[in-house]
Amino acid sequence: MSPLGQAGKLQRQRLQAEGVSFDAKERVDFRAVGWAGPTEDWLARHGLQAPRPLVQAGSAADDQPRQLSLL
């Protein structure tokens, strides 16, 4: 049995079909393929605030995996 399960396998296939690659530890480099998010104008029009970025601009490469915050 795969640790990803069927849903995980399907998501990985979809990402790979879009050109997303995974490293030896099965991670995705968000610096290479991450989306910066919507524009400030779009957020303001919808009454939303910008989320925290997945990658800090100008930060050194960090190989330590981090869990994303839900809050």
Protein backbone atom coordinates (compact mmCIF):
# COMPACT_ATOMS: atom_id res chain seq x y z
CA MET A 1 0.00 0.00 0.00
CA SER A 2 1.32 3.42 -0.95
CA PRO A 3 1.77 5.99 1.83
CA LEU A 4 0.13 8.55 -0.47
CA GLY A 5 -3.07 6.63 -1.08
CA GLN A 6 -5.11 7.02 -4.26
CA ALA A 7 -5.91 10.72 -3.77
CA GLY A 8 -2.25 11.54 -3.17
CA LYS A 9 -1.14 9.58 -6.23
CA LEU A 10 -3.67 11.39 -8.39
CA GLN A 11 -2.62 14.81 -7.07
CA ARG A 12 1.05 14.00 -7.70
CA GLN A 13 0.24 12.90 -11.27
CA ARG A 14 -1.65 16.15 -11.86
CA LEU A 15 1.22 18.24 -10.52
CA GLN A 16 3.78 16.34 -12.58
CA ALA A 17 1.61 16.80 -15.69
CA GLU A 18 1.86 20.56 -15.04
CA GLY A 19 5.66 20.33 -14.86
CA VAL A 20 6.07 20.27 -11.07
CA SER A 21 8.98 18.12 -9.95
CA PHE A 22 9.67 16.44 -6.62
CA ASP A 23 13.05 16.05 -4.91
CA ALA A 24 14.47 12.83 -3.45
CA LYS A 25 12.49 13.48 -0.24
CA GLU A 26 9.22 13.87 -2.19
CA ARG A 27 9.11 17.64 -1.63
CA VAL A 28 8.21 20.45 -4.02
CA ASP A 29 10.39 23.57 -4.25
CA PHE A 30 7.91 26.41 -3.73
CA ARG A 31 10.61 28.92 -4.71
CA ALA A 32 10.50 27.41 -8.19
CA VAL A 33 6.78 26.68 -8.63
CA GLY A 34 4.94 28.51 -5.87
CA TRP A 35 2.31 31.15 -6.56
CA ALA A 36 2.76 34.51 -4.85
CA GLY A 37 -1.00 34.87 -4.45
CA PRO A 38 -3.54 37.41 -5.68
CA THR A 39 -2.76 41.08 -6.15
CA GLU A 40 -3.33 43.62 -3.38
CA ASP A 41 -6.06 45.19 -5.52
CA TRP A 42 -7.95 41.89 -5.84
CA LEU A 43 -7.67 41.24 -2.11
CA ALA A 44 -8.97 44.72 -1.28
CA ARG A 45 -11.93 44.38 -3.68
CA HIS A 46 -12.91 41.12 -1.97
CA GLY A 47 -12.32 42.34 1.58
CA LEU A 48 -9.47 39.92 2.20
CA GLN A 49 -5.98 40.15 3.66
CA ALA A 50 -2.84 38.72 2.10
CA PRO A 51 -1.76 35.32 3.47
CA ARG A 52 1.75 34.81 4.77
CA PRO A 53 4.07 33.79 1.93
CA LEU A 54 5.28 30.19 1.69
CA VAL A 55 8.79 31.44 0.91
CA GLN A 56 10.32 34.56 2.40
CA ALA A 57 11.69 36.85 -0.31
CA GLY A 58 15.46 37.00 -0.27
CA SER A 59 15.86 34.26 2.33
CA ALA A 60 18.61 31.69 2.06
CA ALA A 61 17.69 28.23 0.83
CA ASP A 62 16.49 26.13 3.73
CA ASP A 63 16.41 22.35 3.42
CA GLN A 64 14.47 21.84 6.64
CA PRO A 65 10.82 20.97 5.93
CA ARG A 66 8.24 23.13 7.64
CA GLN A 67 4.60 22.53 8.37
CA LEU A 68 2.34 25.23 7.00
CA SER A 69 0.31 27.14 9.54
CA LEU A 70 -3.46 27.01 9.27
CA LEU A 71 -3.82 30.31 11.12
